[in-house]
Protein backbone atom coordinates (compact mmCIF):
# COMPACT_ATOMS: atom_id res chain seq x y z
CA UNK A 1 142.94 160.17 100.06
CA UNK A 2 140.65 161.29 97.26
CA UNK A 3 140.63 165.04 98.05
CA UNK A 4 142.69 166.08 95.07
CA UNK A 5 141.01 163.91 92.36
CA UNK A 6 137.49 163.82 93.83
CA UNK A 7 136.35 167.28 94.95
CA UNK A 8 132.68 166.17 95.11
CA UNK A 9 133.45 163.16 97.36
CA UNK A 10 131.50 160.77 95.08
CA UNK A 11 134.47 158.54 94.38
CA UNK A 12 135.31 158.33 98.09
CA UNK A 13 131.73 157.27 98.93
CA UNK A 14 131.74 154.72 96.06
CA UNK A 15 134.92 153.25 97.61
CA UNK A 16 133.44 153.37 101.03
CA UNK A 17 130.37 151.34 99.81
CA UNK A 18 132.56 148.92 97.75
CA UNK A 19 134.64 147.74 100.71
CA UNK A 20 131.83 146.22 102.81
CA UNK A 21 130.37 144.68 99.62
CA UNK A 22 133.79 143.14 98.93
CA UNK A 23 133.94 141.80 102.50
CA UNK A 24 130.41 140.40 102.18
CA UNK A 25 131.19 138.49 99.02
CA UNK A 26 134.45 137.19 100.42
CA UNK A 27 132.87 136.15 103.74
CA UNK A 28 133.58 132.53 104.77
CA UNK A 29 130.69 132.39 107.24
CA UNK A 30 127.15 133.67 107.51
CA UNK A 31 128.01 135.65 110.59
CA UNK A 32 130.76 137.57 108.79
CA UNK A 33 128.46 138.13 105.89
CA UNK A 34 125.68 139.47 108.15
CA UNK A 35 128.20 141.83 109.81
CA UNK A 36 129.34 143.11 106.45
CA UNK A 37 125.78 143.51 105.33
CA UNK A 38 125.13 145.65 108.40
CA UNK A 39 128.16 147.75 107.58
CA UNK A 40 127.09 148.05 103.99
CA UNK A 41 123.62 149.23 105.11
CA UNK A 42 125.18 151.88 107.36
CA UNK A 43 127.73 153.17 104.82
CA UNK A 44 125.19 153.20 102.03
CA UNK A 45 122.74 155.13 104.12
CA UNK A 46 125.36 157.79 104.85
CA UNK A 47 126.65 157.83 101.28
CA UNK A 48 123.17 158.41 99.91
CA UNK A 49 124.35 158.17 96.31
CA UNK A 50 122.15 157.31 93.44
CA UNK A 51 123.97 153.92 93.05
CA UNK A 52 124.14 152.85 96.74
CA UNK A 53 120.45 152.42 97.37
CA UNK A 54 119.74 150.16 94.35
CA UNK A 55 122.89 148.19 95.13
CA UNK A 56 121.69 147.44 98.71
CA UNK A 57 118.31 146.61 97.39
CA UNK A 58 119.80 144.14 94.94
CA UNK A 59 121.89 142.45 97.65
CA UNK A 60 118.79 142.14 99.79
CA UNK A 61 116.83 140.64 96.91
CA UNK A 62 119.59 138.12 96.26
CA UNK A 63 120.36 137.43 99.91
CA UNK A 64 119.18 133.83 99.91
CA UNK A 65 121.39 133.05 96.87
CA UNK A 66 124.33 134.80 98.61
CA UNK A 67 123.76 132.58 101.61
CA UNK A 68 123.85 129.43 99.51
CA UNK A 69 127.11 130.66 97.91
CA UNK A 70 128.63 131.25 101.34
CA UNK A 71 127.57 127.90 102.73
CA UNK A 72 128.22 125.67 99.71
CA UNK A 73 130.67 127.65 97.62
CA UNK A 74 128.58 126.57 94.53
CA UNK A 75 127.67 128.98 91.79
CA UNK A 76 126.12 128.75 88.37
CA UNK A 77 129.15 130.25 86.71
CA UNK A 78 129.85 127.22 84.44
CA UNK A 79 126.24 127.24 83.15
CA UNK A 80 126.48 131.00 82.47
CA UNK A 81 129.71 130.58 80.73
CA UNK A 82 128.28 127.80 78.47
CA UNK A 83 125.29 130.07 77.67
CA UNK A 84 127.60 132.93 76.81
CA UNK A 85 129.67 130.69 74.50
CA UNK A 86 126.54 129.43 72.74
CA UNK A 87 125.31 133.00 72.23
CA UNK A 88 128.73 133.97 70.78
CA UNK A 89 128.54 131.03 68.38
CA UNK A 90 125.01 132.10 67.41
CA UNK A 91 126.33 135.63 66.63
CA UNK A 92 129.10 134.30 64.42
CA UNK A 93 126.96 131.65 62.77
CA UNK A 94 124.18 133.85 61.36
CA UNK A 95 124.77 132.43 57.84
CA UNK A 96 124.12 128.83 58.78
CA UNK A 97 121.22 127.39 56.83
CA UNK A 98 121.74 123.77 57.91
CA UNK A 99 120.60 123.19 61.50
CA UNK A 100 122.79 120.06 61.88
CA UNK A 101 125.92 122.01 60.92
CA UNK A 102 125.00 124.71 63.37
CA UNK A 103 124.46 122.16 66.16
CA UNK A 104 127.75 120.48 65.30
CA UNK A 105 129.56 123.82 65.54
CA UNK A 106 128.18 124.43 69.02
CA UNK A 107 129.10 120.94 70.23
CA UNK A 108 132.59 121.12 68.72
CA UNK A 109 133.35 124.59 70.11
CA UNK A 110 132.19 123.45 73.55
CA UNK A 111 134.27 120.30 73.35
CA UNK A 112 137.35 122.24 72.32
CA UNK A 113 137.07 124.47 75.33
CA UNK A 114 136.60 121.59 77.85
CA UNK A 115 139.53 119.68 76.31
CA UNK A 116 142.02 122.50 76.57
């Protein structure tokens, strides 16, 4: 499949590692996630790329959080989005000298996004 565009095979191995990771993150049960994790371990070991080992290590480090996601379906995405929005307002509001105006701008921007 990648023979013409990927003579080194790195792209093909990256794809091979990505697929079990995708299945792991889309798993609806802990059993399916565990199976995908075993597959990911096996493929990453064979791939032996510079990226695959740190990826597996990161997944292992975050395994308890991944289990919570699979069981509850709850993430902290809204909190992270709010933090990103506030940081963006901070970047654009570097000239604010009045703390109350700055605070009002953060609140108004947040309210406008939730109202839309």
